[in-house]
Amino acid sequence: MFTGIIETIGTVEAISQNGSNYSYQIRSAIGHELKVDQSLAHEGVCLTVEAIEENLHQVTAIAETISKTNLAQWKQGTKVNIERCMVMNGRLDGHIVQGHVDCTAICTNKIDRDGSWEYQFEFPEQFAPLVIEKGSISVNGTSLTCFSITNNSFQVAIIPYTYHHTSIQQVEVGSVVNIEFDLIGKYVHRSNNLITQ
């Protein structure tokens, strides 16, 4: 379980493929603090740490993960958001994030507001019931607030701190991002569908 508050930005150092699996070696400022078998969110994707060497750690993504996320587009030098799982005695500064990506979205607009930024993302319309005005959403693992909702798009506003301390800085028009919709909203939607059936 995560909060969507990014701890650090990691850099993809190497990528290898074994069958349908992809393994990534990632360098980060917290690499030396990690442990093998630890859950770690990478761009909002929960992956297990397999090996550690100084500030490098290795994770592997299976075909299912690759098909539902933007991991196949990572290359050497890609910057990725890193967050360790939450501790139960800490504050929930963002919102509840599982690290289970629901779909990807495409950046369709980026506006520089002279001190902040606004992004628009287009997502599959089947997920429209899970996006609400001023609701929480995870974009590449970052907890953000939606506005200007349509059936297949939403916007988010980015403050300078978030822009400079997360991978959102490398998102441009045409970029593919990982989306996880609000967990509570998903349960409510599922419950309502069962009741009305």
N, C-alpha and C. Protein backbone atom coordinates (compact mmCIF):
# COMPACT_ATOMS: atom_id res chain seq x y z
N MET A 1 0.83 -1.19 0.00
CA MET A 1 0.00 0.00 0.00
C MET A 1 0.88 1.24 0.00
N PHE A 2 0.51 2.24 -0.81
CA PHE A 2 1.29 3.44 -0.97
C PHE A 2 0.39 4.67 -0.77
N THR A 3 1.01 5.85 -0.84
CA THR A 3 0.24 7.08 -0.62
C THR A 3 0.25 8.00 -1.83
N GLY A 4 1.11 7.74 -2.81
CA GLY A 4 1.21 8.62 -3.95
C GLY A 4 2.09 9.84 -3.70
N ILE A 5 2.82 9.83 -2.57
CA ILE A 5 3.78 10.88 -2.28
C ILE A 5 5.17 10.34 -2.64
N ILE A 6 5.75 10.84 -3.70
CA ILE A 6 6.98 10.29 -4.25
C ILE A 6 8.17 10.61 -3.36
N GLU A 7 8.98 9.59 -3.08
CA GLU A 7 10.17 9.78 -2.23
C GLU A 7 11.36 10.30 -3.01
N THR A 8 11.57 9.74 -4.19
CA THR A 8 12.74 10.12 -4.97
C THR A 8 12.52 9.73 -6.42
N ILE A 9 13.37 10.24 -7.28
CA ILE A 9 13.34 9.85 -8.69
C ILE A 9 14.51 8.91 -8.95
N GLY A 10 14.21 7.75 -9.52
CA GLY A 10 15.24 6.81 -9.91
C GLY A 10 15.55 6.92 -11.38
N THR A 11 16.66 6.35 -11.79
CA THR A 11 17.07 6.35 -13.20
C THR A 11 17.27 4.91 -13.66
N VAL A 12 16.64 4.55 -14.76
CA VAL A 12 16.83 3.22 -15.33
C VAL A 12 18.23 3.12 -15.90
N GLU A 13 19.03 2.18 -15.35
CA GLU A 13 20.42 2.02 -15.78
C GLU A 13 20.58 0.91 -16.82
N ALA A 14 19.77 -0.14 -16.70
CA ALA A 14 19.90 -1.26 -17.65
C ALA A 14 18.58 -2.01 -17.72
N ILE A 15 18.32 -2.60 -18.88
CA ILE A 15 17.10 -3.38 -19.12
C ILE A 15 17.50 -4.68 -19.79
N SER A 16 16.94 -5.80 -19.32
CA SER A 16 17.18 -7.09 -19.97
C SER A 16 15.86 -7.82 -20.10
N GLN A 17 15.80 -8.70 -21.08
CA GLN A 17 14.58 -9.47 -21.33
C GLN A 17 14.87 -10.95 -21.21
N ASN A 18 13.98 -11.66 -20.51
CA ASN A 18 14.09 -13.11 -20.37
C ASN A 18 12.72 -13.69 -20.68
N GLY A 19 12.54 -14.20 -21.88
CA GLY A 19 11.22 -14.65 -22.31
C GLY A 19 10.30 -13.45 -22.42
N SER A 20 9.16 -13.50 -21.74
CA SER A 20 8.21 -12.37 -21.78
C SER A 20 8.42 -11.39 -20.63
N ASN A 21 9.40 -11.68 -19.77
CA ASN A 21 9.68 -10.82 -18.62
C ASN A 21 10.75 -9.78 -18.95
N TYR A 22 10.62 -8.60 -18.32
CA TYR A 22 11.62 -7.56 -18.44
C TYR A 22 12.18 -7.27 -17.05
N SER A 23 13.51 -7.23 -16.94
CA SER A 23 14.17 -6.87 -15.69
C SER A 23 14.81 -5.50 -15.85
N TYR A 24 14.69 -4.70 -14.80
CA TYR A 24 15.20 -3.33 -14.82
C TYR A 24 16.16 -3.12 -13.65
N GLN A 25 17.29 -2.51 -13.92
CA GLN A 25 18.20 -2.07 -12.87
C GLN A 25 18.03 -0.56 -12.74
N ILE A 26 17.75 -0.13 -11.52
CA ILE A 26 17.40 1.28 -11.29
C ILE A 26 18.29 1.86 -10.20
N ARG A 27 18.84 3.02 -10.48
CA ARG A 27 19.69 3.72 -9.51
C ARG A 27 18.87 4.82 -8.84
N SER A 28 18.96 4.88 -7.50
CA SER A 28 18.25 5.94 -6.78
C SER A 28 18.99 6.28 -5.50
N ALA A 29 18.62 7.41 -4.92
CA ALA A 29 19.26 7.88 -3.69
C ALA A 29 18.94 6.99 -2.50
N ILE A 30 17.88 6.20 -2.60
CA ILE A 30 17.49 5.33 -1.47
C ILE A 30 17.84 3.87 -1.74
N GLY A 31 18.56 3.61 -2.84
CA GLY A 31 18.89 2.22 -3.20
C GLY A 31 19.56 1.45 -2.10
N HIS A 32 20.47 2.11 -1.37
CA HIS A 32 21.22 1.42 -0.32
C HIS A 32 20.37 1.12 0.92
N GLU A 33 19.18 1.72 1.01
CA GLU A 33 18.28 1.50 2.14
C GLU A 33 17.27 0.39 1.88
N LEU A 34 17.22 -0.09 0.66
CA LEU A 34 16.21 -1.08 0.29
C LEU A 34 16.61 -2.48 0.74
N LYS A 35 15.64 -3.39 0.71
CA LYS A 35 15.87 -4.78 1.07
C LYS A 35 15.29 -5.68 -0.01
N VAL A 36 15.95 -6.81 -0.21
CA VAL A 36 15.43 -7.80 -1.14
C VAL A 36 14.06 -8.28 -0.65
N ASP A 37 13.13 -8.46 -1.56
CA ASP A 37 11.76 -8.89 -1.30
C ASP A 37 10.86 -7.75 -0.84
N GLN A 38 11.36 -6.52 -0.91
CA GLN A 38 10.58 -5.35 -0.52
C GLN A 38 9.70 -4.90 -1.68
N SER A 39 8.48 -4.45 -1.36
CA SER A 39 7.59 -3.89 -2.38
C SER A 39 7.93 -2.42 -2.58
N LEU A 40 8.02 -2.02 -3.84
CA LEU A 40 8.41 -0.66 -4.18
C LEU A 40 7.59 -0.21 -5.38
N ALA A 41 7.03 1.00 -5.30
CA ALA A 41 6.27 1.53 -6.44
C ALA A 41 7.21 2.25 -7.39
N HIS A 42 7.13 1.87 -8.67
CA HIS A 42 7.91 2.49 -9.75
C HIS A 42 6.93 3.06 -10.75
N GLU A 43 6.84 4.39 -10.84
CA GLU A 43 5.86 5.02 -11.72
C GLU A 43 4.45 4.49 -11.39
N GLY A 44 4.21 4.19 -10.11
CA GLY A 44 2.91 3.71 -9.69
C GLY A 44 2.70 2.22 -9.81
N VAL A 45 3.73 1.49 -10.25
CA VAL A 45 3.64 0.04 -10.42
C VAL A 45 4.37 -0.63 -9.26
N CYS A 46 3.66 -1.46 -8.51
CA CYS A 46 4.26 -2.17 -7.38
C CYS A 46 5.09 -3.34 -7.91
N LEU A 47 6.41 -3.29 -7.65
CA LEU A 47 7.32 -4.34 -8.08
C LEU A 47 8.17 -4.78 -6.89
N THR A 48 8.64 -6.01 -6.93
CA THR A 48 9.43 -6.58 -5.83
C THR A 48 10.92 -6.43 -6.09
N VAL A 49 11.63 -5.92 -5.10
CA VAL A 49 13.08 -5.78 -5.21
C VAL A 49 13.71 -7.17 -5.18
N GLU A 50 14.49 -7.50 -6.21
CA GLU A 50 15.09 -8.83 -6.34
C GLU A 50 16.56 -8.86 -5.95
N ALA A 51 17.24 -7.76 -6.19
CA ALA A 51 18.68 -7.70 -5.91
C ALA A 51 19.08 -6.26 -5.67
N ILE A 52 20.14 -6.09 -4.88
CA ILE A 52 20.62 -4.75 -4.54
C ILE A 52 22.14 -4.73 -4.65
N GLU A 53 22.65 -3.67 -5.24
CA GLU A 53 24.10 -3.47 -5.29
C GLU A 53 24.35 -1.97 -5.15
N GLU A 54 24.81 -1.57 -3.95
CA GLU A 54 25.01 -0.16 -3.63
C GLU A 54 23.70 0.59 -3.88
N ASN A 55 23.68 1.58 -4.77
CA ASN A 55 22.46 2.35 -5.02
C ASN A 55 21.64 1.83 -6.19
N LEU A 56 21.95 0.61 -6.64
CA LEU A 56 21.20 -0.02 -7.72
C LEU A 56 20.29 -1.11 -7.15
N HIS A 57 19.07 -1.18 -7.64
CA HIS A 57 18.22 -2.32 -7.30
C HIS A 57 17.60 -2.86 -8.58
N GLN A 58 17.23 -4.15 -8.53
CA GLN A 58 16.66 -4.80 -9.71
C GLN A 58 15.25 -5.27 -9.42
N VAL A 59 14.38 -5.07 -10.42
CA VAL A 59 13.00 -5.56 -10.35
C VAL A 59 12.66 -6.20 -11.69
N THR A 60 11.65 -7.07 -11.68
CA THR A 60 11.20 -7.73 -12.91
C THR A 60 9.70 -7.54 -13.08
N ALA A 61 9.30 -7.25 -14.30
CA ALA A 61 7.88 -7.12 -14.64
C ALA A 61 7.48 -8.24 -15.58
N ILE A 62 6.37 -8.90 -15.28
CA ILE A 62 5.87 -9.98 -16.13
C ILE A 62 5.01 -9.41 -17.27
N ALA A 63 4.62 -10.28 -18.19
CA ALA A 63 3.89 -9.85 -19.38
C ALA A 63 2.61 -9.11 -19.03
N GLU A 64 1.87 -9.56 -18.02
CA GLU A 64 0.62 -8.89 -17.61
C GLU A 64 0.89 -7.45 -17.21
N THR A 65 1.95 -7.23 -16.45
CA THR A 65 2.31 -5.87 -16.02
C THR A 65 2.72 -5.02 -17.22
N ILE A 66 3.52 -5.60 -18.09
CA ILE A 66 3.98 -4.87 -19.28
C ILE A 66 2.79 -4.44 -20.13
N SER A 67 1.78 -5.30 -20.26
CA SER A 67 0.63 -5.00 -21.13
C SER A 67 -0.28 -3.93 -20.56
N LYS A 68 -0.27 -3.73 -19.24
CA LYS A 68 -1.19 -2.78 -18.61
C LYS A 68 -0.54 -1.45 -18.24
N THR A 69 0.77 -1.32 -18.46
CA THR A 69 1.50 -0.14 -17.99
C THR A 69 2.37 0.44 -19.10
N ASN A 70 3.14 1.46 -18.75
CA ASN A 70 4.06 2.06 -19.73
C ASN A 70 5.48 1.52 -19.60
N LEU A 71 5.68 0.44 -18.85
CA LEU A 71 7.03 -0.07 -18.62
C LEU A 71 7.76 -0.49 -19.90
N ALA A 72 7.01 -0.94 -20.90
CA ALA A 72 7.65 -1.35 -22.15
C ALA A 72 8.32 -0.18 -22.85
N GLN A 73 7.94 1.03 -22.50
CA GLN A 73 8.51 2.22 -23.13
C GLN A 73 9.74 2.75 -22.39
N TRP A 74 10.02 2.16 -21.21
CA TRP A 74 11.21 2.60 -20.49
C TRP A 74 12.46 2.26 -21.30
N LYS A 75 13.45 3.10 -21.17
CA LYS A 75 14.75 2.85 -21.80
C LYS A 75 15.83 3.33 -20.85
N GLN A 76 17.06 3.06 -21.18
CA GLN A 76 18.17 3.50 -20.34
C GLN A 76 18.14 5.02 -20.21
N GLY A 77 18.15 5.50 -18.97
CA GLY A 77 18.10 6.93 -18.71
C GLY A 77 16.72 7.44 -18.34
N THR A 78 15.67 6.62 -18.50
CA THR A 78 14.32 7.03 -18.13
C THR A 78 14.26 7.32 -16.63
N LYS A 79 13.63 8.44 -16.28
CA LYS A 79 13.44 8.81 -14.87
C LYS A 79 12.13 8.21 -14.38
N VAL A 80 12.15 7.57 -13.21
CA VAL A 80 10.95 6.92 -12.67
C VAL A 80 10.71 7.35 -11.23
N ASN A 81 9.45 7.57 -10.91
CA ASN A 81 9.05 7.88 -9.54
C ASN A 81 9.23 6.65 -8.66
N ILE A 82 9.79 6.85 -7.47
CA ILE A 82 10.00 5.75 -6.53
C ILE A 82 9.31 6.09 -5.20
N GLU A 83 8.55 5.13 -4.69
CA GLU A 83 7.94 5.27 -3.36
C GLU A 83 7.97 3.93 -2.65
N ARG A 84 8.47 3.93 -1.42
CA ARG A 84 8.37 2.73 -0.58
C ARG A 84 6.97 2.64 0.00
N CYS A 85 6.57 1.42 0.40
CA CYS A 85 5.23 1.24 0.95
C CYS A 85 5.06 2.05 2.23
N MET A 86 3.80 2.40 2.51
CA MET A 86 3.51 3.24 3.67
C MET A 86 3.68 2.46 4.96
N VAL A 87 3.95 3.19 6.04
CA VAL A 87 4.00 2.58 7.37
C VAL A 87 2.71 2.93 8.09
N MET A 88 2.20 2.01 8.88
CA MET A 88 0.86 2.17 9.45
C MET A 88 0.77 3.25 10.53
N ASN A 89 1.92 3.68 11.04
CA ASN A 89 1.88 4.73 12.07
C ASN A 89 2.22 6.10 11.49
N GLY A 90 2.17 6.23 10.16
CA GLY A 90 2.49 7.50 9.52
C GLY A 90 1.24 8.21 9.02
N ARG A 91 1.44 9.44 8.56
CA ARG A 91 0.33 10.23 8.01
C ARG A 91 0.08 9.82 6.56
N LEU A 92 -1.19 9.81 6.18
CA LEU A 92 -1.58 9.52 4.80
C LEU A 92 -1.68 10.87 4.08
N ASP A 93 -0.54 11.34 3.56
CA ASP A 93 -0.50 12.68 2.96
C ASP A 93 -1.17 12.72 1.59
N GLY A 94 -1.17 11.62 0.86
CA GLY A 94 -1.78 11.60 -0.46
C GLY A 94 -3.15 10.94 -0.38
N HIS A 95 -3.26 9.77 -1.01
CA HIS A 95 -4.47 8.95 -0.88
C HIS A 95 -4.03 7.49 -0.98
N ILE A 96 -4.95 6.57 -0.74
CA ILE A 96 -4.60 5.15 -0.76
C ILE A 96 -4.33 4.70 -2.20
N VAL A 97 -3.10 4.25 -2.42
CA VAL A 97 -2.66 3.78 -3.74
C VAL A 97 -2.15 2.35 -3.57
N GLN A 98 -2.64 1.43 -4.39
CA GLN A 98 -2.24 0.03 -4.28
C GLN A 98 -0.99 -0.31 -5.08
N GLY A 99 -0.69 0.48 -6.09
CA GLY A 99 0.40 0.10 -6.98
C GLY A 99 -0.07 -0.87 -8.05
N HIS A 100 -1.40 -0.94 -8.24
CA HIS A 100 -2.00 -1.80 -9.26
C HIS A 100 -2.59 -0.90 -10.35
N VAL A 101 -1.87 -0.74 -11.43
CA VAL A 101 -2.27 0.18 -12.50
C VAL A 101 -3.51 -0.35 -13.20
N ASP A 102 -4.49 0.53 -13.40
CA ASP A 102 -5.74 0.15 -14.06
C ASP A 102 -5.64 0.26 -15.58
N CYS A 103 -4.94 1.28 -16.04
CA CYS A 103 -4.81 1.50 -17.48
C CYS A 103 -3.73 2.54 -17.72
N THR A 104 -3.47 2.81 -18.97
CA THR A 104 -2.59 3.92 -19.30
C THR A 104 -3.43 5.05 -19.90
N ALA A 105 -2.87 6.24 -19.87
CA ALA A 105 -3.52 7.41 -20.47
C ALA A 105 -2.48 8.15 -21.30
N ILE A 106 -2.94 8.98 -22.21
CA ILE A 106 -2.05 9.74 -23.09
C ILE A 106 -2.17 11.22 -22.75
N CYS A 107 -1.04 11.88 -22.62
CA CYS A 107 -1.04 13.32 -22.40
C CYS A 107 -1.44 14.01 -23.70
N THR A 108 -2.52 14.78 -23.65
CA THR A 108 -3.01 15.47 -24.85
C THR A 108 -2.77 16.97 -24.80
N ASN A 109 -2.38 17.50 -23.64
CA ASN A 109 -2.09 18.93 -23.55
C ASN A 109 -1.24 19.20 -22.32
N LYS A 110 -0.31 20.15 -22.46
CA LYS A 110 0.52 20.60 -21.34
C LYS A 110 0.62 22.11 -21.44
N ILE A 111 0.21 22.79 -20.38
CA ILE A 111 0.19 24.25 -20.38
C ILE A 111 1.08 24.77 -19.26
N ASP A 112 2.01 25.63 -19.61
CA ASP A 112 2.86 26.30 -18.62
C ASP A 112 2.11 27.53 -18.13
N ARG A 113 1.78 27.54 -16.84
CA ARG A 113 1.01 28.64 -16.24
C ARG A 113 1.92 29.64 -15.53
N ASP A 114 3.16 29.73 -15.95
CA ASP A 114 4.12 30.69 -15.37
C ASP A 114 4.25 30.51 -13.86
N GLY A 115 4.66 29.33 -13.46
CA GLY A 115 4.83 29.02 -12.04
C GLY A 115 4.15 27.71 -11.66
N SER A 116 3.24 27.24 -12.51
CA SER A 116 2.63 25.93 -12.33
C SER A 116 2.34 25.37 -13.72
N TRP A 117 1.91 24.12 -13.75
CA TRP A 117 1.64 23.46 -15.03
C TRP A 117 0.30 22.76 -14.96
N GLU A 118 -0.38 22.71 -16.09
CA GLU A 118 -1.62 21.93 -16.21
C GLU A 118 -1.44 20.90 -17.31
N TYR A 119 -1.85 19.68 -16.99
CA TYR A 119 -1.78 18.58 -17.95
C TYR A 119 -3.18 18.05 -18.21
N GLN A 120 -3.44 17.66 -19.44
CA GLN A 120 -4.67 16.96 -19.77
C GLN A 120 -4.32 15.55 -20.23
N PHE A 121 -5.07 14.57 -19.73
CA PHE A 121 -4.84 13.17 -20.09
C PHE A 121 -6.11 12.56 -20.63
N GLU A 122 -5.96 11.74 -21.66
CA GLU A 122 -7.08 11.02 -22.26
C GLU A 122 -6.96 9.54 -21.88
N PHE A 123 -8.06 8.96 -21.39
CA PHE A 123 -8.04 7.58 -20.92
C PHE A 123 -9.21 6.81 -21.54
N PRO A 124 -9.21 5.47 -21.47
CA PRO A 124 -10.31 4.69 -22.04
C PRO A 124 -11.65 5.02 -21.38
N GLU A 125 -12.67 5.25 -22.19
CA GLU A 125 -13.96 5.73 -21.70
C GLU A 125 -14.64 4.76 -20.74
N GLN A 126 -14.28 3.48 -20.79
CA GLN A 126 -14.89 2.50 -19.89
C GLN A 126 -14.63 2.83 -18.42
N PHE A 127 -13.59 3.63 -18.14
CA PHE A 127 -13.25 3.98 -16.77
C PHE A 127 -13.88 5.30 -16.31
N ALA A 128 -14.73 5.90 -17.13
CA ALA A 128 -15.32 7.20 -16.82
C ALA A 128 -15.98 7.26 -15.44
N PRO A 129 -16.71 6.21 -14.99
CA PRO A 129 -17.36 6.31 -13.67
C PRO A 129 -16.40 6.42 -12.50
N LEU A 130 -15.11 6.15 -12.72
CA LEU A 130 -14.14 6.15 -11.63
C LEU A 130 -13.41 7.48 -11.48
N VAL A 131 -13.75 8.45 -12.33
CA VAL A 131 -13.11 9.76 -12.27
C VAL A 131 -14.16 10.81 -11.90
N ILE A 132 -13.89 11.55 -10.82
CA ILE A 132 -14.84 12.58 -10.39
C ILE A 132 -14.13 13.91 -10.21
N GLU A 133 -14.88 14.99 -10.35
CA GLU A 133 -14.33 16.34 -10.17
C GLU A 133 -13.77 16.49 -8.77
N LYS A 134 -12.54 16.94 -8.68
CA LYS A 134 -11.81 17.14 -7.42
C LYS A 134 -11.52 15.82 -6.70
N GLY A 135 -11.60 14.71 -7.43
CA GLY A 135 -11.28 13.41 -6.85
C GLY A 135 -9.80 13.11 -6.97
N SER A 136 -9.36 12.09 -6.26
CA SER A 136 -7.95 11.69 -6.29
C SER A 136 -7.69 10.71 -7.42
N ILE A 137 -6.49 10.81 -7.99
CA ILE A 137 -6.06 9.88 -9.03
C ILE A 137 -4.55 9.74 -8.94
N SER A 138 -4.05 8.58 -9.31
CA SER A 138 -2.60 8.36 -9.31
C SER A 138 -2.11 8.38 -10.76
N VAL A 139 -1.22 9.32 -11.06
CA VAL A 139 -0.59 9.43 -12.38
C VAL A 139 0.89 9.12 -12.22
N ASN A 140 1.33 8.02 -12.81
CA ASN A 140 2.71 7.56 -12.63
C ASN A 140 3.08 7.48 -11.15
N GLY A 141 2.09 7.07 -10.34
CA GLY A 141 2.34 6.88 -8.92
C GLY A 141 2.20 8.12 -8.07
N THR A 142 1.95 9.27 -8.67
CA THR A 142 1.82 10.53 -7.93
C THR A 142 0.36 10.82 -7.64
N SER A 143 0.04 11.09 -6.38
CA SER A 143 -1.32 11.43 -5.98
C SER A 143 -1.66 12.84 -6.44
N LEU A 144 -2.66 12.95 -7.31
CA LEU A 144 -3.07 14.23 -7.87
C LEU A 144 -4.57 14.39 -7.79
N THR A 145 -5.05 15.61 -8.02
CA THR A 145 -6.48 15.93 -7.97
C THR A 145 -6.99 16.26 -9.37
N CYS A 146 -8.10 15.63 -9.76
CA CYS A 146 -8.68 15.80 -11.10
C CYS A 146 -9.57 17.04 -11.17
N PHE A 147 -9.62 17.65 -12.35
CA PHE A 147 -10.63 18.67 -12.63
C PHE A 147 -10.89 18.67 -14.14
N SER A 148 -11.90 19.43 -14.54
CA SER A 148 -12.31 19.48 -15.96
C SER A 148 -12.50 18.08 -16.52
N ILE A 149 -13.37 17.31 -15.85
CA ILE A 149 -13.61 15.91 -16.21
C ILE A 149 -14.53 15.81 -17.43
N THR A 150 -14.20 14.90 -18.35
CA THR A 150 -15.13 14.48 -19.40
C THR A 150 -15.23 12.96 -19.32
N ASN A 151 -15.92 12.35 -20.26
CA ASN A 151 -16.06 10.90 -20.25
C ASN A 151 -14.75 10.17 -20.56
N ASN A 152 -13.78 10.87 -21.13
CA ASN A 152 -12.52 10.19 -21.45
C ASN A 152 -11.29 11.07 -21.21
N SER A 153 -11.45 12.12 -20.39
CA SER A 153 -10.28 12.95 -20.11
C SER A 153 -10.41 13.65 -18.77
N PHE A 154 -9.28 14.08 -18.25
CA PHE A 154 -9.25 14.87 -17.03
C PHE A 154 -8.01 15.75 -17.07
N GLN A 155 -7.98 16.74 -16.21
CA GLN A 155 -6.82 17.60 -16.09
C GLN A 155 -6.30 17.56 -14.66
N VAL A 156 -5.01 17.84 -14.51
CA VAL A 156 -4.40 17.98 -13.19
C VAL A 156 -3.52 19.22 -13.21
N ALA A 157 -3.39 19.86 -12.06
CA ALA A 157 -2.50 21.01 -11.92
C ALA A 157 -1.29 20.59 -11.10
N ILE A 158 -0.12 21.03 -11.51
CA ILE A 158 1.14 20.62 -10.89
C ILE A 158 1.83 21.84 -10.29
N ILE A 159 2.10 21.80 -9.00
CA ILE A 159 2.84 22.87 -8.34
C ILE A 159 4.33 22.69 -8.61
N PRO A 160 5.13 23.75 -8.42
CA PRO A 160 6.57 23.64 -8.71
C PRO A 160 7.27 22.49 -7.97
N TYR A 161 6.95 22.29 -6.70
CA TYR A 161 7.63 21.24 -5.94
C TYR A 161 7.40 19.87 -6.59
N THR A 162 6.15 19.58 -6.93
CA THR A 162 5.84 18.30 -7.56
C THR A 162 6.51 18.18 -8.92
N TYR A 163 6.52 19.27 -9.68
CA TYR A 163 7.14 19.24 -11.01
C TYR A 163 8.62 18.89 -10.92
N HIS A 164 9.31 19.48 -9.97
CA HIS A 164 10.76 19.31 -9.88
C HIS A 164 11.18 18.06 -9.12
N HIS A 165 10.25 17.44 -8.37
CA HIS A 165 10.62 16.28 -7.54
C HIS A 165 9.94 14.98 -7.99
N THR A 166 9.32 14.98 -9.17
CA THR A 166 8.73 13.76 -9.70
C THR A 166 9.05 13.67 -11.20
N SER A 167 8.67 12.55 -11.79
CA SER A 167 8.95 12.33 -13.22
C SER A 167 7.96 13.06 -14.12
N ILE A 168 7.00 13.80 -13.55
CA ILE A 168 6.04 14.54 -14.39
C ILE A 168 6.77 15.53 -15.28
N GLN A 169 7.97 15.94 -14.88
CA GLN A 169 8.75 16.91 -15.66
C GLN A 169 9.11 16.37 -17.03
N GLN A 170 9.14 15.04 -17.21
CA GLN A 170 9.49 14.48 -18.53
C GLN A 170 8.25 14.11 -19.34
N VAL A 171 7.06 14.36 -18.80
CA VAL A 171 5.82 14.07 -19.53
C VAL A 171 5.52 15.21 -20.49
N GLU A 172 5.36 14.88 -21.76
CA GLU A 172 5.03 15.85 -22.79
C GLU A 172 3.79 15.36 -23.54
N VAL A 173 3.26 16.18 -24.43
CA VAL A 173 2.13 15.76 -25.25
C VAL A 173 2.52 14.49 -26.01
N GLY A 174 1.69 13.47 -25.90
CA GLY A 174 1.97 12.18 -26.54
C GLY A 174 2.54 11.15 -25.59
N SER A 175 3.01 11.59 -24.41
CA SER A 175 3.55 10.64 -23.43
C SER A 175 2.46 9.74 -22.89
N VAL A 176 2.82 8.49 -22.61
CA VAL A 176 1.91 7.52 -22.02
C VAL A 176 2.22 7.41 -20.53
N VAL A 177 1.19 7.53 -19.70
CA VAL A 177 1.37 7.49 -18.25
C VAL A 177 0.52 6.38 -17.64
N ASN A 178 0.94 5.92 -16.46
CA ASN A 178 0.20 4.89 -15.72
C ASN A 178 -0.87 5.55 -14.87
N ILE A 179 -2.06 4.96 -14.89
CA ILE A 179 -3.19 5.50 -14.13
C ILE A 179 -3.72 4.45 -13.17
N GLU A 180 -3.87 4.84 -11.91
CA GLU A 180 -4.62 4.03 -10.94
C GLU A 180 -5.73 4.88 -10.38
N PHE A 181 -6.95 4.41 -10.54
CA PHE A 181 -8.11 5.14 -10.05
C PHE A 181 -8.28 4.91 -8.55
N ASP A 182 -9.04 5.79 -7.91
CA ASP A 182 -9.22 5.74 -6.47
C ASP A 182 -9.84 4.41 -6.02
N LEU A 183 -9.20 3.77 -5.06
CA LEU A 183 -9.64 2.45 -4.58
C LEU A 183 -11.07 2.48 -4.04
N ILE A 184 -11.38 3.48 -3.25
CA ILE A 184 -12.73 3.56 -2.66
C ILE A 184 -13.77 3.73 -3.76
N GLY A 185 -13.46 4.57 -4.75
CA GLY A 185 -14.38 4.75 -5.86
C GLY A 185 -14.62 3.47 -6.63
N LYS A 186 -13.59 2.64 -6.75
CA LYS A 186 -13.75 1.36 -7.47
C LYS A 186 -14.68 0.42 -6.72
N TYR A 187 -14.55 0.38 -5.39
CA TYR A 187 -15.44 -0.48 -4.59
C TYR A 187 -16.88 0.01 -4.63
N VAL A 188 -17.06 1.33 -4.55
CA VAL A 188 -18.41 1.89 -4.60
C VAL A 188 -19.05 1.60 -5.95
N HIS A 189 -18.30 1.79 -7.02
CA HIS A 189 -18.83 1.53 -8.36
C HIS A 189 -19.20 0.07 -8.52
N ARG A 190 -18.35 -0.83 -8.07
CA ARG A 190 -18.62 -2.27 -8.14
C ARG A 190 -19.85 -2.63 -7.34
N SER A 191 -19.97 -2.08 -6.15
CA SER A 191 -21.12 -2.36 -5.27
C SER A 191 -22.42 -1.89 -5.92
N ASN A 192 -22.41 -0.69 -6.47
CA ASN A 192 -23.61 -0.15 -7.12
C ASN A 192 -24.02 -1.01 -8.31
N ASN A 193 -23.04 -1.50 -9.09
CA ASN A 193 -23.36 -2.35 -10.23
C ASN A 193 -24.00 -3.66 -9.78
N LEU A 194 -23.54 -4.24 -8.68
CA LEU A 194 -24.10 -5.49 -8.18
C LEU A 194 -25.52 -5.28 -7.65
N ILE A 195 -25.76 -4.16 -7.00
CA ILE A 195 -27.08 -3.87 -6.43
C ILE A 195 -28.11 -3.69 -7.53
N THR A 196 -27.71 -3.04 -8.64
CA THR A 196 -28.67 -2.74 -9.70
C THR A 196 -28.89 -3.90 -10.67
N GLN A 197 -28.11 -4.97 -10.51
CA GLN A 197 -28.25 -6.12 -11.41
C GLN A 197 -29.44 -7.00 -11.00
